[in-house]
Amino acid sequence: MMPSVACTFDPEMYISAMELQKAILTGEPPCLIVDCRSAADYAMAHIKGALSVPIPASVIMLRRLANGKMSVPSVIRGIENRERFNRHWKTHYIVLYDNNTGPMDTGAPSVLSTLFRRLQQDGCRVVCVKGGFRSFRALMPEWTESDSAESKDELSLDNLRITPPSERGRRDSGLVRDPSPSDTPFPVEILPYLFLGNAKNAADLVALKRHKIKYVLNVTPNLPNAFEDAGLGIKYMKIPIQDHWSQNLATFFPEAIAFIDEARQKRKSILVHCLAGISRSVTITLAYLMQKLSMPLNDAYDFVRTRKTNISPNFNFMGQLMDFERELNLTPHECTCHLEPCECRTLRFITHATPDSGIDVDHWT
């Protein structure tokens, strides 16, 4: 049972901007305010103290959130804000808003409507601000603020993972934050010639020699190409991108994919790395799998996830991958194994060549 509070909202899914104003001024009922708009909109202006949930409104992301495969705290921006949510979600009303909150029973699912239903399922007291941020700002402009500087928090999907069936029974609610396992050491073999790694691997000559790596794709603006001038025959490519929501990594997809495929064609191994090996390098790896193996994004993500469980592309990069998926006109295949997570799609992608890629994974040596 949800603990009672001294004052409550009417048992409706919507409250007015005036009702929220009263709650803010009096502290009754206590509220956690959640901004469901994009990171850019939040940075421009938001209700003071609001938590930011900048999830791309994509089918993949919303389905994971709705099905409990992505925990609610994991999509809240900032460690302190996640901790605040975990402290108060049982005792406070959760107040959601977007730009112009309207009826949730019409049109395609949105971040707000998906989050609303998920929180309801988890036993939260949740309401939405009728008219959204625009309505509230018109009433109380003094209770809105903008970010004075771009947040340095990475919008990472640090907990976006398929929860194994063995773990589901131990969880009371999707509100419990998932761990970020790192059981598989870097570099990780994604394909027989494609390795995913981090800064430490890129500077480890023993590891590079062990895996016969002669190509290195460095997805950072400031890490050096460690052995570029050492005369070791290692070919480098550098993509000067930071792990931040403002960065456009998609513009580098074509040349990055071509560089990886050059290594394959020359029967050399390649290391794709960034600083931590979980966001930028993963994004490039996913883009490669999508184009060269014709994998839809969800399949590519799960494929890499089975090899390295703590991958965490930031939300903006995931959005760029979704756009890339549409450009490639990829659609998910039908599952025939009926297992969770699906195994048939993984087997399909590791035992066959694709018609247009020229890649036969099993027979590459």
Protein backbone atom coordinates (compact mmCIF):
# COMPACT_ATOMS: atom_id res chain seq x y z
CA MET A 1 0.00 0.00 0.00
CA MET A 2 1.16 3.52 -0.76
CA PRO A 3 1.74 5.56 2.43
CA SER A 4 -0.87 8.25 2.92
CA VAL A 5 -0.04 11.92 2.65
CA ALA A 6 -1.64 14.84 4.45
CA CYS A 7 -3.09 16.29 1.26
CA THR A 8 -3.89 14.56 -2.00
CA PHE A 9 -4.86 15.46 -5.53
CA ASP A 10 -8.24 14.42 -6.82
CA PRO A 11 -8.18 10.82 -8.13
CA GLU A 12 -7.74 11.90 -11.75
CA MET A 13 -4.84 11.46 -14.13
CA TYR A 14 -4.57 15.22 -14.78
CA ILE A 15 -3.99 18.22 -12.55
CA SER A 16 -4.07 21.86 -13.60
CA ALA A 17 -1.10 24.18 -13.60
CA MET A 18 -2.80 26.04 -10.75
CA GLU A 19 -3.02 22.86 -8.65
CA LEU A 20 0.67 22.22 -9.21
CA GLN A 21 1.41 25.82 -8.27
CA LYS A 22 -0.41 25.32 -4.97
CA ALA A 23 1.45 22.09 -4.27
CA ILE A 24 4.80 23.76 -4.94
CA LEU A 25 4.01 26.73 -2.70
CA THR A 26 2.57 24.72 0.20
CA GLY A 27 4.51 21.49 -0.11
CA GLU A 28 1.23 19.57 0.06
CA PRO A 29 0.98 17.06 -1.35
CA PRO A 30 4.72 16.42 -1.72
CA CYS A 31 5.64 16.02 -5.38
CA LEU A 32 8.42 14.76 -7.61
CA ILE A 33 8.14 16.69 -10.87
CA VAL A 34 9.36 14.88 -13.98
CA ASP A 35 10.09 16.58 -17.32
CA CYS A 36 9.38 14.17 -20.21
CA ARG A 37 10.70 16.43 -22.99
CA SER A 38 13.98 16.26 -24.87
CA ALA A 39 17.28 17.22 -23.25
CA ALA A 40 17.43 20.33 -25.46
CA ASP A 41 13.96 21.50 -24.37
CA TYR A 42 14.82 20.86 -20.73
CA ALA A 43 18.05 22.85 -21.05
CA MET A 44 16.19 25.81 -22.55
CA ALA A 45 13.61 25.97 -19.74
CA HIS A 46 11.95 23.67 -17.23
CA ILE A 47 10.05 23.75 -13.93
CA LYS A 48 12.46 24.34 -11.05
CA GLY A 49 13.59 21.10 -9.47
CA ALA A 50 12.13 18.91 -12.22
CA LEU A 51 13.87 15.65 -13.01
CA SER A 52 14.76 15.17 -16.67
CA VAL A 53 13.79 11.99 -18.56
CA PRO A 54 15.08 12.67 -22.09
CA ILE A 55 14.14 9.39 -23.76
CA PRO A 56 13.78 9.32 -27.56
CA ALA A 57 10.13 8.56 -28.38
CA SER A 58 11.02 5.47 -30.39
CA VAL A 59 9.24 2.14 -30.54
CA ILE A 60 12.30 0.34 -29.18
CA MET A 61 12.85 2.61 -26.20
CA LEU A 62 9.20 2.93 -25.26
CA ARG A 63 8.65 -0.81 -25.54
CA ARG A 64 11.59 -1.53 -23.24
CA LEU A 65 10.32 0.97 -20.71
CA ALA A 66 6.75 -0.30 -20.90
CA ASN A 67 7.78 -3.96 -20.55
CA GLY A 68 10.01 -3.34 -17.55
CA LYS A 69 13.23 -4.12 -19.43
CA MET A 70 14.50 -0.64 -18.62
CA SER A 71 14.24 0.63 -15.04
CA VAL A 72 12.65 4.01 -14.39
CA PRO A 73 15.62 5.42 -12.42
CA SER A 74 17.98 4.47 -15.25
CA VAL A 75 16.30 6.96 -17.60
CA ILE A 76 16.46 9.86 -15.13
CA ARG A 77 19.30 12.23 -15.92
CA GLY A 78 21.91 12.66 -13.19
CA ILE A 79 22.98 10.40 -10.32
CA GLU A 80 21.66 12.74 -7.60
CA ASN A 81 18.29 12.94 -9.32
CA ARG A 82 18.08 9.16 -9.58
CA GLU A 83 18.82 8.90 -5.88
CA ARG A 84 16.15 11.51 -5.12
CA PHE A 85 13.63 9.53 -7.13
CA ASN A 86 14.53 6.30 -5.32
CA ARG A 87 14.10 8.02 -1.94
CA HIS A 88 10.70 9.55 -2.63
CA TRP A 89 8.76 7.56 -5.23
CA LYS A 90 6.82 5.70 -2.53
CA THR A 91 5.77 8.78 -0.57
CA HIS A 92 5.44 11.56 -3.15
CA TYR A 93 3.12 12.20 -6.06
CA ILE A 94 4.98 11.91 -9.34
CA VAL A 95 3.94 14.79 -11.59
CA LEU A 96 4.69 14.38 -15.30
CA TYR A 97 4.67 17.03 -17.99
CA ASP A 98 5.74 17.56 -21.58
CA ASN A 99 5.41 20.66 -23.74
CA ASN A 100 1.65 20.65 -24.08
CA THR A 101 0.23 17.66 -22.22
CA GLY A 102 -3.05 16.49 -23.71
CA PRO A 103 -5.15 13.30 -23.75
CA MET A 104 -3.06 10.14 -23.58
CA ASP A 105 -5.58 7.81 -25.18
CA THR A 106 -5.15 9.24 -28.68
CA GLY A 107 -2.33 8.97 -31.17
CA ALA A 108 0.94 7.04 -30.92
CA PRO A 109 2.52 6.24 -27.53
CA SER A 110 4.66 9.05 -26.13
CA VAL A 111 7.34 9.20 -23.46
CA LEU A 112 4.83 10.75 -21.06
CA SER A 113 2.04 8.24 -21.66
CA THR A 114 4.41 5.25 -21.49
CA LEU A 115 6.04 6.49 -18.30
CA PHE A 116 2.62 7.28 -16.80
CA ARG A 117 1.35 3.74 -17.31
CA ARG A 118 4.62 2.17 -16.18
CA LEU A 119 4.60 4.16 -12.94
CA GLN A 120 0.96 3.28 -12.34
CA GLN A 121 1.78 -0.41 -12.76
CA ASP A 122 4.56 -0.02 -10.20
CA GLY A 123 2.12 1.38 -7.65
CA CYS A 124 3.09 5.04 -7.86
CA ARG A 125 0.73 7.97 -7.40
CA VAL A 126 1.19 9.67 -10.74
CA VAL A 127 -0.56 12.61 -12.42
CA CYS A 128 0.08 14.79 -15.47
CA VAL A 129 0.00 18.57 -15.76
CA LYS A 130 -2.83 19.53 -18.10
CA GLY A 131 -1.46 21.81 -20.79
CA GLY A 132 2.10 20.83 -19.92
CA PHE A 133 5.04 23.17 -19.53
CA ARG A 134 3.52 25.93 -21.63
CA SER A 135 0.52 26.16 -19.35
CA PHE A 136 2.63 26.16 -16.20
CA ARG A 137 5.13 28.74 -17.48
CA ALA A 138 2.28 31.09 -18.41
CA LEU A 139 1.02 30.88 -14.83
CA MET A 140 4.32 30.79 -12.90
CA PRO A 141 7.24 31.97 -15.05
CA GLU A 142 9.23 32.68 -11.89
CA TRP A 143 9.16 28.95 -11.10
CA THR A 144 10.90 28.00 -14.34
CA GLU A 145 14.61 28.01 -15.05
CA SER A 146 17.12 27.13 -17.75
CA ASP A 147 20.46 25.39 -17.55
CA SER A 148 23.20 27.99 -17.32
CA ALA A 149 25.59 25.58 -18.98
CA GLU A 150 25.33 22.30 -20.76
CA SER A 151 25.18 19.47 -18.30
CA LYS A 152 28.24 17.29 -18.28
CA ASP A 153 26.18 14.26 -17.36
CA GLU A 154 26.22 11.69 -20.11
CA LEU A 155 22.76 10.60 -21.17
CA SER A 156 23.70 6.96 -20.89
CA LEU A 157 21.53 3.91 -21.12
CA ASP A 158 23.51 2.40 -18.28
CA ASN A 159 20.70 0.02 -17.40
CA LEU A 160 19.09 -0.64 -20.75
CA ARG A 161 19.33 -4.40 -20.85
CA ILE A 162 17.24 -7.49 -21.26
CA THR A 163 16.66 -8.78 -17.73
CA PRO A 164 17.31 -12.54 -17.63
CA PRO A 165 14.35 -14.63 -16.45
CA SER A 166 16.35 -15.79 -13.43
CA GLU A 167 16.60 -12.19 -12.19
CA ARG A 168 13.00 -11.16 -12.75
CA GLY A 169 11.67 -13.16 -9.84
CA ARG A 170 14.01 -11.36 -7.46
CA ARG A 171 12.75 -7.90 -8.37
CA ASP A 172 9.73 -6.39 -6.67
CA SER A 173 9.49 -3.55 -9.16
CA GLY A 174 11.14 -2.11 -12.24
CA LEU A 175 11.92 0.89 -10.07
CA VAL A 176 14.91 -0.97 -8.65
CA ARG A 177 17.99 0.17 -10.49
CA ASP A 178 19.67 -2.51 -12.56
CA PRO A 179 23.33 -3.18 -11.94
CA SER A 180 25.90 -2.32 -14.59
CA PRO A 181 27.76 -5.60 -14.98
CA SER A 182 31.22 -5.66 -16.46
CA ASP A 183 31.88 -9.39 -16.35
CA THR A 184 33.44 -9.60 -19.82
CA PRO A 185 36.92 -8.08 -20.05
CA PHE A 186 37.85 -5.83 -22.94
CA PRO A 187 38.59 -6.09 -25.78
CA VAL A 188 35.46 -8.02 -26.71
CA GLU A 189 35.19 -9.99 -29.94
CA ILE A 190 31.98 -8.92 -31.67
CA LEU A 191 32.82 -10.63 -34.96
CA PRO A 192 35.95 -12.67 -35.75
CA TYR A 193 37.66 -9.52 -37.04
CA LEU A 194 35.83 -6.81 -35.06
CA PHE A 195 36.79 -6.02 -31.47
CA LEU A 196 35.17 -3.55 -29.09
CA GLY A 197 37.43 -1.90 -26.54
CA ASN A 198 38.40 1.08 -24.41
CA ALA A 199 41.33 3.46 -23.97
CA LYS A 200 43.34 0.94 -21.98
CA ASN A 201 43.10 -1.67 -24.74
CA ALA A 202 44.13 0.85 -27.38
CA ALA A 203 47.38 1.45 -25.48
CA ASP A 204 48.02 -2.25 -24.77
CA LEU A 205 50.37 -3.47 -27.47
CA VAL A 206 50.35 -7.01 -26.09
CA ALA A 207 46.56 -7.18 -26.44
CA LEU A 208 46.68 -5.73 -29.95
CA LYS A 209 49.24 -8.33 -31.02
CA ARG A 210 47.34 -11.14 -29.30
CA HIS A 211 44.22 -10.37 -31.33
CA LYS A 212 46.19 -9.57 -34.51
CA ILE A 213 44.73 -6.06 -34.60
CA LYS A 214 46.14 -3.93 -37.43
CA TYR A 215 43.33 -1.36 -37.65
CA VAL A 216 42.24 0.94 -34.81
CA LEU A 217 39.19 3.22 -34.91
CA ASN A 218 39.57 5.86 -32.18
CA VAL A 219 36.21 7.47 -31.36
CA THR A 220 37.46 10.27 -29.07
CA PRO A 221 38.64 13.85 -29.59
CA ASN A 222 41.62 13.71 -27.24
CA LEU A 223 43.01 10.18 -26.82
CA PRO A 224 46.19 9.72 -28.87
CA ASN A 225 46.64 7.07 -31.54
CA ALA A 226 49.08 5.21 -29.32
CA PHE A 227 51.24 3.40 -31.89
CA GLU A 228 50.64 5.48 -35.00
CA ASP A 229 54.29 6.52 -35.33
CA ALA A 230 55.82 3.31 -33.98
CA GLY A 231 56.27 1.66 -37.37
CA LEU A 232 54.15 -1.33 -36.39
CA GLY A 233 51.89 -1.25 -39.43
CA ILE A 234 48.79 -0.30 -37.45
CA LYS A 235 46.39 1.89 -39.42
CA TYR A 236 44.37 4.47 -37.49
CA MET A 237 41.22 6.47 -38.00
CA LYS A 238 40.10 9.12 -35.51
CA ILE A 239 36.54 10.39 -34.99
CA PRO A 240 36.73 13.51 -32.74
CA ILE A 241 33.38 13.11 -30.97
CA GLN A 242 32.58 13.60 -27.28
CA ASP A 243 30.06 11.42 -25.45
CA HIS A 244 27.46 14.18 -25.18
CA TRP A 245 23.88 14.63 -26.35
CA SER A 246 24.88 17.57 -28.58
CA GLN A 247 27.26 15.51 -30.73
CA ASN A 248 26.35 14.17 -34.19
CA LEU A 249 28.12 10.85 -34.50
CA ALA A 250 25.91 9.74 -37.40
CA THR A 251 27.78 11.99 -39.83
CA PHE A 252 30.78 9.69 -39.38
CA PHE A 253 28.90 6.43 -39.92
CA PRO A 254 29.78 6.04 -43.64
CA GLU A 255 33.54 6.49 -43.28
CA ALA A 256 33.66 4.48 -40.03
CA ILE A 257 31.79 1.58 -41.63
CA ALA A 258 34.06 1.76 -44.67
CA PHE A 259 37.15 1.70 -42.43
CA ILE A 260 35.93 -1.37 -40.53
CA ASP A 261 35.06 -3.12 -43.78
CA GLU A 262 38.48 -2.30 -45.21
CA ALA A 263 39.99 -4.29 -42.34
CA ARG A 264 37.64 -7.20 -43.11
CA GLN A 265 38.47 -7.14 -46.82
CA LYS A 266 42.20 -7.19 -46.02
CA ARG A 267 41.61 -10.01 -43.52
CA LYS A 268 42.90 -7.94 -40.61
CA SER A 269 41.37 -7.42 -37.18
CA ILE A 270 40.15 -4.02 -36.05
CA LEU A 271 39.67 -2.46 -32.61
CA VAL A 272 36.89 0.11 -32.25
CA HIS A 273 37.38 2.04 -29.02
CA CYS A 274 36.42 5.18 -27.12
CA LEU A 275 37.28 6.10 -23.53
CA ALA A 276 35.19 3.58 -21.59
CA GLY A 277 34.16 1.35 -24.48
CA ILE A 278 30.44 1.49 -23.76
CA SER A 279 28.91 4.41 -25.69
CA ARG A 280 30.65 5.95 -28.70
CA SER A 281 32.48 2.81 -29.83
CA VAL A 282 29.33 0.75 -29.29
CA THR A 283 27.34 3.18 -31.44
CA ILE A 284 29.79 2.76 -34.33
CA THR A 285 29.76 -1.02 -33.89
CA LEU A 286 25.97 -1.10 -33.97
CA ALA A 287 25.88 1.04 -37.11
CA TYR A 288 28.29 -1.38 -38.79
CA LEU A 289 26.20 -4.43 -37.89
CA MET A 290 23.06 -2.69 -39.09
CA GLN A 291 24.46 -1.80 -42.50
CA LYS A 292 26.72 -4.75 -43.24
CA LEU A 293 24.69 -7.55 -41.65
CA SER A 294 21.26 -5.99 -42.27
CA MET A 295 20.42 -6.17 -38.57
CA PRO A 296 17.59 -4.01 -37.25
CA LEU A 297 18.78 -1.88 -34.33
CA ASN A 298 17.10 -4.00 -31.67
CA ASP A 299 18.73 -7.15 -33.02
CA ALA A 300 22.14 -5.51 -33.32
CA TYR A 301 21.87 -4.15 -29.78
CA ASP A 302 21.00 -7.57 -28.35
CA PHE A 303 23.76 -9.19 -30.44
CA VAL A 304 26.42 -6.91 -28.93
CA ARG A 305 24.79 -7.12 -25.49
CA THR A 306 25.28 -10.89 -25.38
CA ARG A 307 29.02 -10.27 -25.75
CA LYS A 308 29.34 -7.25 -23.45
CA THR A 309 26.52 -6.74 -20.98
CA ASN A 310 27.24 -3.18 -19.83
CA ILE A 311 27.09 -1.36 -23.17
CA SER A 312 25.53 2.07 -22.77
CA PRO A 313 25.15 4.33 -25.83
CA ASN A 314 23.81 7.72 -24.82
CA PHE A 315 20.23 8.60 -25.71
CA ASN A 316 21.18 10.96 -28.53
CA PHE A 317 23.34 8.32 -30.21
CA MET A 318 20.50 5.82 -29.91
CA GLY A 319 18.24 8.33 -31.63
CA GLN A 320 20.78 8.67 -34.45
CA LEU A 321 20.89 4.88 -34.79
CA MET A 322 17.10 4.80 -35.05
CA ASP A 323 17.27 7.35 -37.86
CA PHE A 324 19.95 5.21 -39.49
CA GLU A 325 17.70 2.16 -39.20
CA ARG A 326 14.97 4.02 -41.07
CA GLU A 327 17.44 5.10 -43.76
CA LEU A 328 18.47 1.47 -44.23
CA ASN A 329 14.81 0.41 -44.30
CA LEU A 330 15.43 -2.37 -41.78
CA THR A 331 12.59 -4.17 -40.04
CA PRO A 332 12.81 -6.69 -37.19
CA HIS A 333 12.53 -10.35 -38.19
CA GLU A 334 9.90 -12.62 -36.70
CA CYS A 335 10.97 -14.65 -33.67
CA THR A 336 10.50 -18.41 -34.00
CA CYS A 337 12.22 -19.62 -30.83
CA HIS A 338 9.81 -17.85 -28.43
CA LEU A 339 12.58 -17.45 -25.86
CA GLU A 340 13.44 -14.34 -23.85
CA PRO A 341 15.88 -13.04 -24.88
CA CYS A 342 15.39 -14.29 -28.42
CA GLU A 343 18.05 -16.80 -29.53
CA CYS A 344 17.00 -17.50 -33.10
CA ARG A 345 17.95 -14.04 -34.35
CA THR A 346 21.43 -14.32 -32.81
CA LEU A 347 21.98 -17.71 -34.43
CA ARG A 348 20.72 -16.34 -37.73
CA PHE A 349 23.24 -13.53 -37.71
CA ILE A 350 26.27 -15.64 -36.78
CA THR A 351 25.75 -18.49 -39.24
CA HIS A 352 24.89 -16.83 -42.53
CA ALA A 353 26.28 -14.24 -44.88
CA THR A 354 24.07 -11.40 -45.99
CA PRO A 355 23.40 -11.02 -49.72
CA ASP A 356 24.89 -7.55 -50.05
CA SER A 357 27.62 -7.46 -47.43
CA GLY A 358 29.92 -10.19 -48.65
CA ILE A 359 30.49 -11.19 -45.02
CA ASP A 360 30.40 -14.85 -44.04
CA VAL A 361 31.00 -14.74 -40.31
CA ASP A 362 31.54 -18.44 -39.69
CA HIS A 363 34.09 -18.92 -42.44
CA TRP A 364 36.17 -15.78 -41.90
CA THR A 365 39.66 -16.78 -40.73
